[in-house]
Amino acid sequence: MRNIIQAIQTMPKALLFTALLFTANAHADISKTDPYAMIQQVADITFKRVKDEQAAIRSNPNLLKKVVREELLPYVDYRYAAYKVIGKNLKKTTEQERKAFVPVFRDYLVTSYAQVFTLYNDQTVEFEAGRKLDKQKIVAVKTRVLQPGGEPIDISFKVRKNRKKNEWKAFDMIAEGISLLDSKQAELSSIIRQKGLPHVTEMLKEKAERDVVFKQGEP
């Protein structure tokens, strides 16, 4: 299965998160108890910052990593996502290996999301209206990216409720039917099985440390 980042490179807002960071005080008005409102509020803040800091970002694209960490990460359950990627291989890993993998996977997501933000060009995003929440533990929040002269892009963010903390966080994104976690799990599962989780941790660490770049032809 092709890598999710490659699959959505024509979708400037496909990674509204996931993906996922300002200080807690700066985002005190964003509630994690309503997944629909949370997604929209975080997206609005993130894209406004990218737009406002566009000149500095053009000069130093790695600033997008800072934006992702500060505006998105508090609302992404990267630990849960990391464990989902390990999947059926979980029992073959040690606690120490998993502890080493989680922060590296987090940093990999930050770099991946930051790279996609280079495609941002002030597109419009429509958000699904909030729905009544009963006892659901996981819900999908639907959005639609509107691109002038192009077909709308359907995006869903899967968010999970932590019942102990009574808060929601995103853990997966589905763009045009392609799941970030399913794609990454399919890509890494056999490698984890054959070479072990530490090998994959080092592989993702290298990717996480790569610079963010504006590719030729991008806006």
N, C-alpha and C. Protein backbone atom coordinates (compact mmCIF):
# COMPACT_ATOMS: atom_id res chain seq x y z
N MET A 1 0.86 -1.20 0.00
CA MET A 1 0.00 0.00 0.00
C MET A 1 0.88 1.24 0.00
N ARG A 2 0.57 2.20 -0.82
CA ARG A 2 1.42 3.37 -0.92
C ARG A 2 1.37 4.19 0.36
N ASN A 3 2.45 4.87 0.62
CA ASN A 3 2.56 5.68 1.81
C ASN A 3 1.47 6.75 1.83
N ILE A 4 0.86 6.99 2.97
CA ILE A 4 -0.26 7.92 3.06
C ILE A 4 0.16 9.33 2.69
N ILE A 5 1.39 9.71 3.01
CA ILE A 5 1.83 11.06 2.70
C ILE A 5 1.90 11.27 1.20
N GLN A 6 2.42 10.25 0.48
CA GLN A 6 2.47 10.33 -0.96
C GLN A 6 1.07 10.35 -1.55
N ALA A 7 0.17 9.61 -0.94
CA ALA A 7 -1.18 9.49 -1.47
C ALA A 7 -1.95 10.79 -1.39
N ILE A 8 -1.57 11.67 -0.45
CA ILE A 8 -2.36 12.89 -0.28
C ILE A 8 -1.57 14.15 -0.55
N GLN A 9 -0.51 14.07 -1.31
CA GLN A 9 0.29 15.25 -1.58
C GLN A 9 -0.44 16.30 -2.41
N THR A 10 -1.56 15.93 -3.01
CA THR A 10 -2.37 16.92 -3.72
C THR A 10 -3.49 17.43 -2.83
N MET A 11 -3.44 17.10 -1.55
CA MET A 11 -4.47 17.50 -0.61
C MET A 11 -3.87 18.42 0.44
N PRO A 12 -3.77 19.72 0.19
CA PRO A 12 -3.09 20.62 1.09
C PRO A 12 -3.59 20.60 2.51
N LYS A 13 -4.86 20.31 2.74
CA LYS A 13 -5.36 20.29 4.11
C LYS A 13 -5.69 18.88 4.57
N ALA A 14 -5.19 17.89 3.90
CA ALA A 14 -5.51 16.52 4.28
C ALA A 14 -5.02 16.21 5.67
N LEU A 15 -3.96 16.85 6.10
CA LEU A 15 -3.44 16.61 7.44
C LEU A 15 -3.80 17.78 8.36
N LEU A 16 -5.08 18.02 8.53
CA LEU A 16 -5.50 19.09 9.41
C LEU A 16 -4.86 18.94 10.78
N PHE A 17 -4.57 17.71 11.14
CA PHE A 17 -3.87 17.49 12.39
C PHE A 17 -2.44 17.25 12.07
N THR A 18 -3.74 15.49 12.62
CA THR A 18 -3.22 14.40 12.73
C THR A 18 -3.01 14.61 12.86
N ALA A 19 -3.64 15.37 13.03
CA ALA A 19 -2.41 15.09 13.05
C ALA A 19 -2.27 17.02 14.37
N LEU A 20 -2.35 16.87 14.39
CA LEU A 20 -2.36 16.06 15.24
C LEU A 20 -2.30 17.27 15.26
N LEU A 21 -0.40 22.94 18.61
CA LEU A 21 0.39 22.69 19.80
C LEU A 21 0.92 23.97 20.40
N PHE A 22 0.06 24.66 20.81
CA PHE A 22 0.52 25.83 21.54
C PHE A 22 0.67 25.45 22.99
N THR A 23 0.95 26.40 23.89
CA THR A 23 1.00 26.08 25.31
C THR A 23 -0.42 25.83 25.79
N ALA A 24 -0.53 25.15 26.93
CA ALA A 24 -1.86 24.84 27.45
C ALA A 24 -2.65 26.12 27.72
N ASN A 25 -1.99 27.17 28.20
CA ASN A 25 -2.68 28.41 28.49
C ASN A 25 -3.20 29.07 27.23
N ALA A 26 -2.39 28.99 26.16
CA ALA A 26 -2.80 29.63 24.91
C ALA A 26 -4.03 28.97 24.31
N HIS A 27 -4.22 27.69 24.61
CA HIS A 27 -5.35 26.95 24.06
C HIS A 27 -6.37 26.58 25.14
N ALA A 28 -6.40 27.37 26.18
CA ALA A 28 -7.31 27.07 27.28
C ALA A 28 -8.76 27.08 26.84
N ASP A 29 -9.07 27.80 25.74
CA ASP A 29 -10.45 27.91 25.30
C ASP A 29 -10.86 26.77 24.39
N ILE A 30 -9.95 25.87 24.06
CA ILE A 30 -10.27 24.72 23.23
C ILE A 30 -10.63 23.54 24.12
N SER A 31 -11.85 23.10 24.00
CA SER A 31 -12.32 21.99 24.84
C SER A 31 -12.08 20.66 24.16
N LYS A 32 -11.59 19.70 24.92
CA LYS A 32 -11.38 18.36 24.40
C LYS A 32 -12.58 17.45 24.68
N THR A 33 -13.66 18.03 25.17
CA THR A 33 -14.84 17.23 25.48
C THR A 33 -15.80 17.12 24.30
N ASP A 34 -15.61 17.94 23.27
CA ASP A 34 -16.43 17.90 22.07
C ASP A 34 -15.51 17.71 20.87
N PRO A 35 -15.44 16.50 20.30
CA PRO A 35 -14.50 16.24 19.21
C PRO A 35 -14.75 17.08 17.96
N TYR A 36 -16.01 17.39 17.68
CA TYR A 36 -16.34 18.17 16.49
C TYR A 36 -15.84 19.61 16.62
N ALA A 37 -16.14 20.22 17.75
CA ALA A 37 -15.69 21.59 17.98
C ALA A 37 -14.17 21.66 18.09
N MET A 38 -13.57 20.67 18.72
CA MET A 38 -12.12 20.65 18.90
C MET A 38 -11.39 20.64 17.57
N ILE A 39 -11.81 19.76 16.65
CA ILE A 39 -11.15 19.67 15.35
C ILE A 39 -11.22 21.01 14.62
N GLN A 40 -12.39 21.62 14.61
CA GLN A 40 -12.53 22.88 13.88
C GLN A 40 -11.71 24.00 14.52
N GLN A 41 -11.73 24.08 15.84
CA GLN A 41 -11.01 25.15 16.52
C GLN A 41 -9.50 25.01 16.32
N VAL A 42 -8.99 23.79 16.46
CA VAL A 42 -7.56 23.57 16.29
C VAL A 42 -7.14 23.85 14.85
N ALA A 43 -7.96 23.42 13.90
CA ALA A 43 -7.66 23.67 12.49
C ALA A 43 -7.62 25.16 12.19
N ASP A 44 -8.60 25.90 12.70
CA ASP A 44 -8.65 27.33 12.46
C ASP A 44 -7.39 28.02 13.01
N ILE A 45 -6.99 27.67 14.21
CA ILE A 45 -5.81 28.28 14.84
C ILE A 45 -4.55 27.93 14.06
N THR A 46 -4.43 26.66 13.67
CA THR A 46 -3.23 26.21 12.98
C THR A 46 -3.05 26.89 11.63
N PHE A 47 -4.11 26.92 10.84
CA PHE A 47 -3.99 27.50 9.51
C PHE A 47 -3.82 29.01 9.55
N LYS A 48 -4.39 29.66 10.55
CA LYS A 48 -4.18 31.09 10.70
C LYS A 48 -2.70 31.36 10.99
N ARG A 49 -2.11 30.53 11.84
CA ARG A 49 -0.70 30.73 12.17
C ARG A 49 0.19 30.48 10.95
N VAL A 50 -0.10 29.43 10.20
CA VAL A 50 0.68 29.14 9.00
C VAL A 50 0.59 30.31 8.02
N LYS A 51 -0.60 30.88 7.89
CA LYS A 51 -0.79 32.01 6.98
C LYS A 51 -0.05 33.25 7.49
N ASP A 52 -0.17 33.53 8.79
CA ASP A 52 0.45 34.72 9.37
C ASP A 52 1.98 34.65 9.33
N GLU A 53 2.53 33.44 9.44
CA GLU A 53 3.98 33.28 9.51
C GLU A 53 4.57 32.77 8.19
N GLN A 54 3.83 32.96 7.11
CA GLN A 54 4.25 32.40 5.83
C GLN A 54 5.62 32.91 5.38
N ALA A 55 5.90 34.19 5.59
CA ALA A 55 7.20 34.75 5.16
C ALA A 55 8.35 34.07 5.89
N ALA A 56 8.21 33.91 7.21
CA ALA A 56 9.26 33.27 8.00
C ALA A 56 9.39 31.80 7.63
N ILE A 57 8.25 31.15 7.37
CA ILE A 57 8.25 29.74 7.00
C ILE A 57 8.93 29.52 5.66
N ARG A 58 8.70 30.43 4.73
CA ARG A 58 9.36 30.35 3.42
C ARG A 58 10.88 30.45 3.58
N SER A 59 11.30 31.27 4.52
CA SER A 59 12.73 31.44 4.76
C SER A 59 13.32 30.24 5.49
N ASN A 60 12.52 29.66 6.40
CA ASN A 60 12.97 28.49 7.17
C ASN A 60 11.83 27.50 7.29
N PRO A 61 11.67 26.60 6.31
CA PRO A 61 10.54 25.66 6.31
C PRO A 61 10.44 24.79 7.55
N ASN A 62 11.55 24.57 8.27
CA ASN A 62 11.49 23.75 9.47
C ASN A 62 10.66 24.39 10.58
N LEU A 63 10.33 25.66 10.43
CA LEU A 63 9.43 26.30 11.39
C LEU A 63 8.06 25.61 11.40
N LEU A 64 7.74 24.94 10.31
CA LEU A 64 6.47 24.21 10.27
C LEU A 64 6.43 23.08 11.30
N LYS A 65 7.59 22.51 11.61
CA LYS A 65 7.64 21.49 12.66
C LYS A 65 7.24 22.11 13.99
N LYS A 66 7.70 23.32 14.24
CA LYS A 66 7.36 24.02 15.47
C LYS A 66 5.86 24.30 15.53
N VAL A 67 5.30 24.71 14.39
CA VAL A 67 3.87 24.97 14.33
C VAL A 67 3.08 23.70 14.65
N VAL A 68 3.47 22.60 14.04
CA VAL A 68 2.77 21.33 14.27
C VAL A 68 2.88 20.92 15.73
N ARG A 69 4.07 21.03 16.31
CA ARG A 69 4.24 20.65 17.72
C ARG A 69 3.40 21.53 18.64
N GLU A 70 3.36 22.80 18.35
CA GLU A 70 2.69 23.73 19.25
C GLU A 70 1.19 23.81 19.04
N GLU A 71 0.73 23.59 17.82
CA GLU A 71 -0.69 23.76 17.54
C GLU A 71 -1.48 22.45 17.44
N LEU A 72 -0.82 21.35 17.16
CA LEU A 72 -1.54 20.10 16.92
C LEU A 72 -1.31 19.01 17.96
N LEU A 73 -0.07 18.85 18.37
CA LEU A 73 0.30 17.67 19.15
C LEU A 73 -0.52 17.46 20.43
N PRO A 74 -0.90 18.52 21.15
CA PRO A 74 -1.70 18.29 22.36
C PRO A 74 -3.04 17.61 22.08
N TYR A 75 -3.45 17.59 20.83
CA TYR A 75 -4.75 17.04 20.47
C TYR A 75 -4.64 15.74 19.68
N VAL A 76 -3.44 15.18 19.66
CA VAL A 76 -3.20 13.92 18.96
C VAL A 76 -2.76 12.85 19.95
N ASP A 77 -3.44 11.73 19.95
CA ASP A 77 -3.07 10.60 20.82
C ASP A 77 -2.02 9.77 20.09
N TYR A 78 -0.79 10.29 20.04
CA TYR A 78 0.27 9.64 19.26
C TYR A 78 0.70 8.31 19.88
N ARG A 79 0.55 8.17 21.19
CA ARG A 79 0.91 6.89 21.83
C ARG A 79 -0.04 5.78 21.37
N TYR A 80 -1.33 6.08 21.37
CA TYR A 80 -2.31 5.10 20.90
C TYR A 80 -2.06 4.77 19.44
N ALA A 81 -1.78 5.81 18.64
CA ALA A 81 -1.50 5.60 17.22
C ALA A 81 -0.26 4.73 17.01
N ALA A 82 0.77 4.98 17.81
CA ALA A 82 2.00 4.21 17.70
C ALA A 82 1.75 2.73 18.00
N TYR A 83 0.96 2.47 19.02
CA TYR A 83 0.66 1.09 19.38
C TYR A 83 -0.20 0.42 18.31
N LYS A 84 -1.07 1.20 17.67
CA LYS A 84 -1.88 0.64 16.58
C LYS A 84 -0.99 0.24 15.42
N VAL A 85 0.05 1.01 15.16
CA VAL A 85 0.97 0.69 14.07
C VAL A 85 1.75 -0.58 14.39
N ILE A 86 2.15 -0.74 15.64
CA ILE A 86 2.84 -1.99 16.03
C ILE A 86 1.91 -3.18 15.83
N GLY A 87 0.64 -2.99 16.15
CA GLY A 87 -0.38 -3.99 15.87
C GLY A 87 -0.13 -5.37 16.44
N LYS A 88 -0.25 -6.37 15.60
CA LYS A 88 -0.13 -7.76 16.04
C LYS A 88 1.28 -8.12 16.51
N ASN A 89 2.22 -7.26 16.22
CA ASN A 89 3.60 -7.51 16.65
C ASN A 89 3.85 -7.08 18.10
N LEU A 90 2.83 -6.55 18.75
CA LEU A 90 3.00 -5.98 20.08
C LEU A 90 3.61 -6.98 21.07
N LYS A 91 3.13 -8.22 21.05
CA LYS A 91 3.61 -9.21 22.01
C LYS A 91 5.06 -9.62 21.75
N LYS A 92 5.56 -9.31 20.58
CA LYS A 92 6.94 -9.65 20.24
C LYS A 92 7.91 -8.54 20.62
N THR A 93 7.38 -7.47 21.20
CA THR A 93 8.22 -6.34 21.59
C THR A 93 8.32 -6.24 23.11
N THR A 94 9.35 -5.59 23.58
CA THR A 94 9.52 -5.39 25.02
C THR A 94 9.01 -4.00 25.40
N GLU A 95 8.79 -3.82 26.68
CA GLU A 95 8.32 -2.52 27.16
C GLU A 95 9.35 -1.43 26.83
N GLN A 96 10.61 -1.76 26.97
CA GLN A 96 11.67 -0.79 26.68
C GLN A 96 11.67 -0.41 25.20
N GLU A 97 11.44 -1.39 24.33
CA GLU A 97 11.39 -1.11 22.89
C GLU A 97 10.21 -0.21 22.55
N ARG A 98 9.08 -0.45 23.19
CA ARG A 98 7.89 0.37 22.92
C ARG A 98 8.07 1.79 23.43
N LYS A 99 8.70 1.92 24.59
CA LYS A 99 8.95 3.26 25.13
C LYS A 99 9.87 4.07 24.23
N ALA A 100 10.80 3.40 23.57
CA ALA A 100 11.71 4.07 22.65
C ALA A 100 11.01 4.42 21.34
N PHE A 101 10.05 3.58 20.94
CA PHE A 101 9.37 3.77 19.66
C PHE A 101 8.40 4.94 19.68
N VAL A 102 7.64 5.07 20.76
CA VAL A 102 6.56 6.06 20.81
C VAL A 102 7.02 7.49 20.53
N PRO A 103 8.05 8.02 21.21
CA PRO A 103 8.47 9.40 20.91
C PRO A 103 9.04 9.58 19.51
N VAL A 104 9.67 8.54 18.98
CA VAL A 104 10.20 8.62 17.62
C VAL A 104 9.05 8.65 16.62
N PHE A 105 8.02 7.83 16.86
CA PHE A 105 6.85 7.85 15.99
C PHE A 105 6.16 9.22 16.06
N ARG A 106 6.11 9.80 17.24
CA ARG A 106 5.56 11.15 17.40
C ARG A 106 6.34 12.15 16.54
N ASP A 107 7.65 12.11 16.62
CA ASP A 107 8.47 13.04 15.84
C ASP A 107 8.33 12.80 14.34
N TYR A 108 8.15 11.54 13.97
CA TYR A 108 7.94 11.21 12.55
C TYR A 108 6.63 11.82 12.06
N LEU A 109 5.59 11.75 12.87
CA LEU A 109 4.31 12.36 12.50
C LEU A 109 4.46 13.86 12.35
N VAL A 110 5.19 14.48 13.27
CA VAL A 110 5.39 15.93 13.21
C VAL A 110 6.04 16.32 11.89
N THR A 111 7.10 15.63 11.51
CA THR A 111 7.79 15.94 10.26
C THR A 111 6.90 15.68 9.05
N SER A 112 6.16 14.57 9.08
CA SER A 112 5.27 14.23 7.97
C SER A 112 4.20 15.29 7.79
N TYR A 113 3.56 15.70 8.89
CA TYR A 113 2.52 16.71 8.82
C TYR A 113 3.09 18.05 8.39
N ALA A 114 4.27 18.40 8.91
CA ALA A 114 4.90 19.67 8.55
C ALA A 114 5.18 19.73 7.05
N GLN A 115 5.63 18.61 6.48
CA GLN A 115 5.91 18.58 5.04
C GLN A 115 4.65 18.81 4.22
N VAL A 116 3.55 18.23 4.65
CA VAL A 116 2.29 18.41 3.92
C VAL A 116 1.81 19.86 4.02
N PHE A 117 2.12 20.52 5.13
CA PHE A 117 1.71 21.92 5.29
C PHE A 117 2.40 22.83 4.28
N THR A 118 3.45 22.38 3.62
CA THR A 118 4.07 23.20 2.57
C THR A 118 3.13 23.35 1.39
N LEU A 119 2.11 22.51 1.31
CA LEU A 119 1.14 22.57 0.22
C LEU A 119 -0.02 23.51 0.52
N TYR A 120 -0.02 24.07 1.73
CA TYR A 120 -1.12 24.95 2.12
C TYR A 120 -1.15 26.23 1.28
N ASN A 121 -2.32 26.55 0.77
CA ASN A 121 -2.47 27.76 -0.05
C ASN A 121 -3.82 28.41 0.21
N ASP A 122 -4.19 28.46 1.49
CA ASP A 122 -5.41 29.14 1.92
C ASP A 122 -6.68 28.54 1.32
N GLN A 123 -6.72 27.20 1.21
CA GLN A 123 -7.93 26.55 0.75
C GLN A 123 -9.03 26.62 1.82
N THR A 124 -10.25 26.36 1.41
CA THR A 124 -11.39 26.39 2.33
C THR A 124 -11.73 24.99 2.80
N VAL A 125 -12.04 24.86 4.09
CA VAL A 125 -12.41 23.56 4.65
C VAL A 125 -13.80 23.65 5.27
N GLU A 126 -14.67 22.73 4.89
CA GLU A 126 -15.99 22.64 5.50
C GLU A 126 -15.95 21.56 6.58
N PHE A 127 -16.57 21.85 7.71
CA PHE A 127 -16.56 20.92 8.82
C PHE A 127 -17.95 20.34 9.05
N GLU A 128 -17.99 19.07 9.38
CA GLU A 128 -19.26 18.42 9.69
C GLU A 128 -19.86 19.02 10.96
N ALA A 129 -21.16 19.22 10.95
CA ALA A 129 -21.83 19.73 12.14
C ALA A 129 -21.73 18.71 13.27
N GLY A 130 -21.65 19.21 14.48
CA GLY A 130 -21.53 18.32 15.63
C GLY A 130 -22.75 17.41 15.77
N ARG A 131 -22.49 16.22 16.26
CA ARG A 131 -23.57 15.27 16.48
C ARG A 131 -23.68 14.92 17.97
N LYS A 132 -24.82 14.40 18.34
CA LYS A 132 -25.03 14.00 19.72
C LYS A 132 -24.14 12.81 20.05
N LEU A 133 -23.45 12.91 21.15
CA LEU A 133 -22.56 11.83 21.59
C LEU A 133 -23.22 11.07 22.73
N ASP A 134 -23.31 9.78 22.55
CA ASP A 134 -23.90 8.94 23.60
C ASP A 134 -22.78 8.23 24.36
N LYS A 135 -22.58 6.96 24.03
CA LYS A 135 -21.54 6.20 24.71
C LYS A 135 -20.40 5.82 23.77
N GLN A 136 -20.32 6.51 22.64
CA GLN A 136 -19.27 6.20 21.68
C GLN A 136 -17.89 6.45 22.29
N LYS A 137 -16.98 5.57 21.96
CA LYS A 137 -15.59 5.72 22.39
C LYS A 137 -14.75 6.27 21.25
N ILE A 138 -15.17 5.98 20.02
CA ILE A 138 -14.46 6.45 18.83
C ILE A 138 -15.48 7.02 17.84
N VAL A 139 -15.20 8.20 17.31
CA VAL A 139 -16.07 8.79 16.29
C VAL A 139 -15.20 9.32 15.15
N ALA A 140 -15.80 9.44 13.98
CA ALA A 140 -15.11 10.00 12.82
C ALA A 140 -15.70 11.38 12.53
N VAL A 141 -14.87 12.38 12.53
CA VAL A 141 -15.30 13.75 12.24
C VAL A 141 -14.99 14.03 10.78
N LYS A 142 -16.02 14.29 10.00
CA LYS A 142 -15.85 14.47 8.57
C LYS A 142 -15.60 15.93 8.21
N THR A 143 -14.70 16.13 7.25
CA THR A 143 -14.45 17.47 6.70
C THR A 143 -14.35 17.35 5.19
N ARG A 144 -14.42 18.48 4.53
CA ARG A 144 -14.29 18.52 3.07
C ARG A 144 -13.41 19.70 2.68
N VAL A 145 -12.37 19.41 1.94
CA VAL A 145 -11.45 20.45 1.47
C VAL A 145 -11.91 20.92 0.09
N LEU A 146 -12.17 22.22 -0.03
CA LEU A 146 -12.62 22.79 -1.29
C LEU A 146 -11.44 23.44 -2.01
N GLN A 147 -11.18 22.99 -3.23
CA GLN A 147 -10.06 23.50 -4.01
C GLN A 147 -10.58 24.16 -5.29
N PRO A 148 -10.25 25.42 -5.51
CA PRO A 148 -10.70 26.11 -6.73
C PRO A 148 -10.29 25.35 -7.99
N GLY A 149 -11.26 25.03 -8.83
CA GLY A 149 -10.96 24.33 -10.07
C GLY A 149 -10.74 22.85 -9.92
N GLY A 150 -10.92 22.32 -8.70
CA GLY A 150 -10.70 20.90 -8.47
C GLY A 150 -11.85 20.27 -7.70
N GLU A 151 -11.86 18.95 -7.67
CA GLU A 151 -12.91 18.24 -6.94
C GLU A 151 -12.68 18.36 -5.43
N PRO A 152 -13.75 18.45 -4.64
CA PRO A 152 -13.60 18.48 -3.19
C PRO A 152 -12.93 17.20 -2.69
N ILE A 153 -12.20 17.31 -1.61
CA ILE A 153 -11.50 16.17 -1.04
C ILE A 153 -12.15 15.83 0.30
N ASP A 154 -12.62 14.61 0.44
CA ASP A 154 -13.26 14.18 1.68
C ASP A 154 -12.22 13.64 2.66
N ILE A 155 -12.24 14.21 3.86
CA ILE A 155 -11.31 13.84 4.91
C ILE A 155 -12.09 13.50 6.18
N SER A 156 -11.71 12.42 6.84
CA SER A 156 -12.31 12.09 8.14
C SER A 156 -11.20 11.94 9.18
N PHE A 157 -11.45 12.50 10.36
CA PHE A 157 -10.51 12.36 11.47
C PHE A 157 -11.13 11.46 12.51
N LYS A 158 -10.42 10.40 12.84
CA LYS A 158 -10.91 9.49 13.87
C LYS A 158 -10.37 9.97 15.21
N VAL A 159 -11.29 10.16 16.13
CA VAL A 159 -10.92 10.64 17.46
C VAL A 159 -11.42 9.66 18.51
N ARG A 160 -10.65 9.54 19.57
CA ARG A 160 -10.90 8.53 20.60
C ARG A 160 -11.06 9.21 21.96
N LYS A 161 -12.01 8.72 22.72
CA LYS A 161 -12.26 9.30 24.04
C LYS A 161 -11.52 8.55 25.12
N ASN A 162 -10.80 9.31 25.94
CA ASN A 162 -10.18 8.76 27.14
C ASN A 162 -11.18 8.95 28.27
N ARG A 163 -11.81 7.89 28.68
CA ARG A 163 -12.90 7.99 29.64
C ARG A 163 -12.43 8.48 31.00
N LYS A 164 -11.21 8.13 31.38
CA LYS A 164 -10.70 8.56 32.68
C LYS A 164 -10.51 10.07 32.72
N LYS A 165 -10.02 10.63 31.62
CA LYS A 165 -9.79 12.08 31.57
C LYS A 165 -10.97 12.83 30.96
N ASN A 166 -11.93 12.08 30.42
CA ASN A 166 -13.10 12.67 29.77
C ASN A 166 -12.68 13.66 28.68
N GLU A 167 -11.74 13.23 27.82
CA GLU A 167 -11.30 14.09 26.74
C GLU A 167 -11.07 13.28 25.47
N TRP A 168 -11.20 13.96 24.34
CA TRP A 168 -11.04 13.34 23.04
C TRP A 168 -9.71 13.77 22.42
N LYS A 169 -9.08 12.84 21.68
CA LYS A 169 -7.89 13.17 20.91
C LYS A 169 -7.93 12.41 19.59
N ALA A 170 -7.35 13.02 18.56
CA ALA A 170 -7.31 12.37 17.25
C ALA A 170 -6.22 11.31 17.23
N PHE A 171 -6.45 10.23 16.48
CA PHE A 171 -5.42 9.20 16.36
C PHE A 171 -5.25 8.69 14.94
N ASP A 172 -6.16 9.04 14.04
CA ASP A 172 -6.04 8.58 12.66
C ASP A 172 -6.75 9.56 11.74
N MET A 173 -6.35 9.54 10.50
CA MET A 173 -6.96 10.37 9.47
C MET A 173 -7.21 9.51 8.25
N ILE A 174 -8.38 9.67 7.65
CA ILE A 174 -8.73 8.92 6.45
C ILE A 174 -8.99 9.92 5.33
N ALA A 175 -8.13 9.91 4.33
CA ALA A 175 -8.23 10.83 3.20
C ALA A 175 -8.59 10.05 1.94
N GLU A 176 -9.78 10.36 1.40
CA GLU A 176 -10.24 9.67 0.20
C GLU A 176 -10.15 8.15 0.37
N GLY A 177 -10.55 7.68 1.54
CA GLY A 177 -10.59 6.24 1.81
C GLY A 177 -9.27 5.63 2.26
N ILE A 178 -8.20 6.42 2.35
CA ILE A 178 -6.90 5.90 2.75
C ILE A 178 -6.62 6.27 4.19
N SER A 179 -6.43 5.27 5.05
CA SER A 179 -6.16 5.49 6.46
C SER A 179 -4.66 5.64 6.70
N LEU A 180 -4.29 6.68 7.44
CA LEU A 180 -2.89 6.88 7.79
C LEU A 180 -2.33 5.69 8.55
N LEU A 181 -3.07 5.23 9.57
CA LEU A 181 -2.58 4.13 10.40
C LEU A 181 -2.55 2.81 9.64
N ASP A 182 -3.59 2.54 8.88
CA ASP A 182 -3.61 1.29 8.11
C ASP A 182 -2.45 1.26 7.12
N SER A 183 -2.20 2.40 6.48
CA SER A 183 -1.11 2.48 5.51
C SER A 183 0.24 2.27 6.18
N LYS A 184 0.45 2.95 7.31
CA LYS A 184 1.73 2.83 8.00
C LYS A 184 1.90 1.43 8.61
N GLN A 185 0.82 0.86 9.10
CA GLN A 185 0.90 -0.49 9.66
C GLN A 185 1.25 -1.50 8.58
N ALA A 186 0.62 -1.36 7.41
CA ALA A 186 0.91 -2.27 6.30
C ALA A 186 2.36 -2.14 5.85
N GLU A 187 2.88 -0.92 5.90
CA GLU A 187 4.25 -0.66 5.47
C GLU A 187 5.27 -1.22 6.46
N LEU A 188 4.96 -1.14 7.75
CA LEU A 188 5.97 -1.47 8.76
C LEU A 188 5.80 -2.84 9.42
N SER A 189 4.63 -3.44 9.30
CA SER A 189 4.36 -4.69 10.01
C SER A 189 5.38 -5.78 9.71
N SER A 190 5.64 -6.03 8.44
CA SER A 190 6.58 -7.09 8.08
C SER A 190 8.01 -6.75 8.50
N ILE A 191 8.35 -5.46 8.48
CA ILE A 191 9.69 -5.05 8.89
C ILE A 191 9.87 -5.27 10.39
N ILE A 192 8.84 -4.93 11.17
CA ILE A 192 8.89 -5.17 12.62
C ILE A 192 9.04 -6.66 12.89
N ARG A 193 8.27 -7.46 12.16
CA ARG A 193 8.30 -8.91 12.36
C ARG A 193 9.66 -9.50 11.99
N GLN A 194 10.25 -9.03 10.92
CA GLN A 194 11.50 -9.61 10.43
C GLN A 194 12.74 -9.02 11.10
N LYS A 195 12.72 -7.70 11.35
CA LYS A 195 13.95 -7.06 11.85
C LYS A 195 13.80 -6.49 13.25
N GLY A 196 12.59 -6.50 13.78
CA GLY A 196 12.38 -6.03 15.14
C GLY A 196 12.01 -4.55 15.22
N LEU A 197 11.36 -4.18 16.32
CA LEU A 197 10.91 -2.81 16.52
C LEU A 197 12.07 -1.82 16.62
N PRO A 198 13.19 -2.16 17.26
CA PRO A 198 14.31 -1.20 17.31
C PRO A 198 14.79 -0.77 15.93
N HIS A 199 14.78 -1.69 14.98
CA HIS A 199 15.19 -1.36 13.61
C HIS A 199 14.26 -0.32 13.01
N VAL A 200 12.95 -0.51 13.20
CA VAL A 200 11.97 0.43 12.67
C VAL A 200 12.08 1.78 13.39
N THR A 201 12.36 1.74 14.68
CA THR A 201 12.54 2.97 15.45
C THR A 201 13.67 3.81 14.86
N GLU A 202 14.78 3.19 14.55
CA GLU A 202 15.90 3.90 13.96
C GLU A 202 15.57 4.40 12.55
N MET A 203 14.80 3.61 11.82
CA MET A 203 14.41 3.99 10.47
C MET A 203 13.52 5.24 10.50
N LEU A 204 12.57 5.27 11.42
CA LEU A 204 11.68 6.42 11.52
C LEU A 204 12.40 7.64 12.11
N LYS A 205 13.37 7.38 12.98
CA LYS A 205 14.14 8.48 13.56
C LYS A 205 14.87 9.25 12.47
N GLU A 206 15.43 8.52 11.53
CA GLU A 206 16.13 9.17 10.42
C GLU A 206 15.17 10.01 9.60
N LYS A 207 13.97 9.48 9.35
CA LYS A 207 12.99 10.22 8.56
C LYS A 207 12.48 11.44 9.33
N ALA A 208 12.34 11.30 10.65
CA ALA A 208 11.84 12.39 11.48
C ALA A 208 12.80 13.57 11.49
N GLU A 209 14.09 13.29 11.32
CA GLU A 209 15.11 14.33 11.40
C GLU A 209 15.31 15.06 10.07
N ARG A 210 14.63 14.62 9.03
CA ARG A 210 14.79 15.27 7.73
C ARG A 210 14.23 16.68 7.74
N ASP A 211 14.84 17.55 6.94
CA ASP A 211 14.36 18.93 6.83
C ASP A 211 13.06 18.99 6.05
N VAL A 212 12.23 19.95 6.40
CA VAL A 212 11.04 20.24 5.62
C VAL A 212 11.46 21.11 4.43
N VAL A 213 10.96 20.78 3.25
CA VAL A 213 11.35 21.53 2.06
C VAL A 213 10.13 21.86 1.21
N PHE A 214 10.19 23.01 0.57
CA PHE A 214 9.18 23.37 -0.42
C PHE A 214 9.66 22.82 -1.76
N LYS A 215 8.88 21.93 -2.34
CA LYS A 215 9.26 21.33 -3.60
C LYS A 215 8.92 22.26 -4.76
N GLN A 216 9.65 22.10 -5.84
CA GLN A 216 9.43 22.95 -7.00
C GLN A 216 8.01 22.80 -7.52
N GLY A 217 7.38 23.95 -7.75
CA GLY A 217 6.01 23.93 -8.26
C GLY A 217 4.96 24.06 -7.18
N GLU A 218 5.39 23.96 -5.88
CA GLU A 218 4.43 24.14 -4.82
C GLU A 218 4.15 25.62 -4.63
N PRO A 219 2.95 25.96 -4.14
CA PRO A 219 2.56 27.37 -4.00
C PRO A 219 3.44 28.11 -3.01
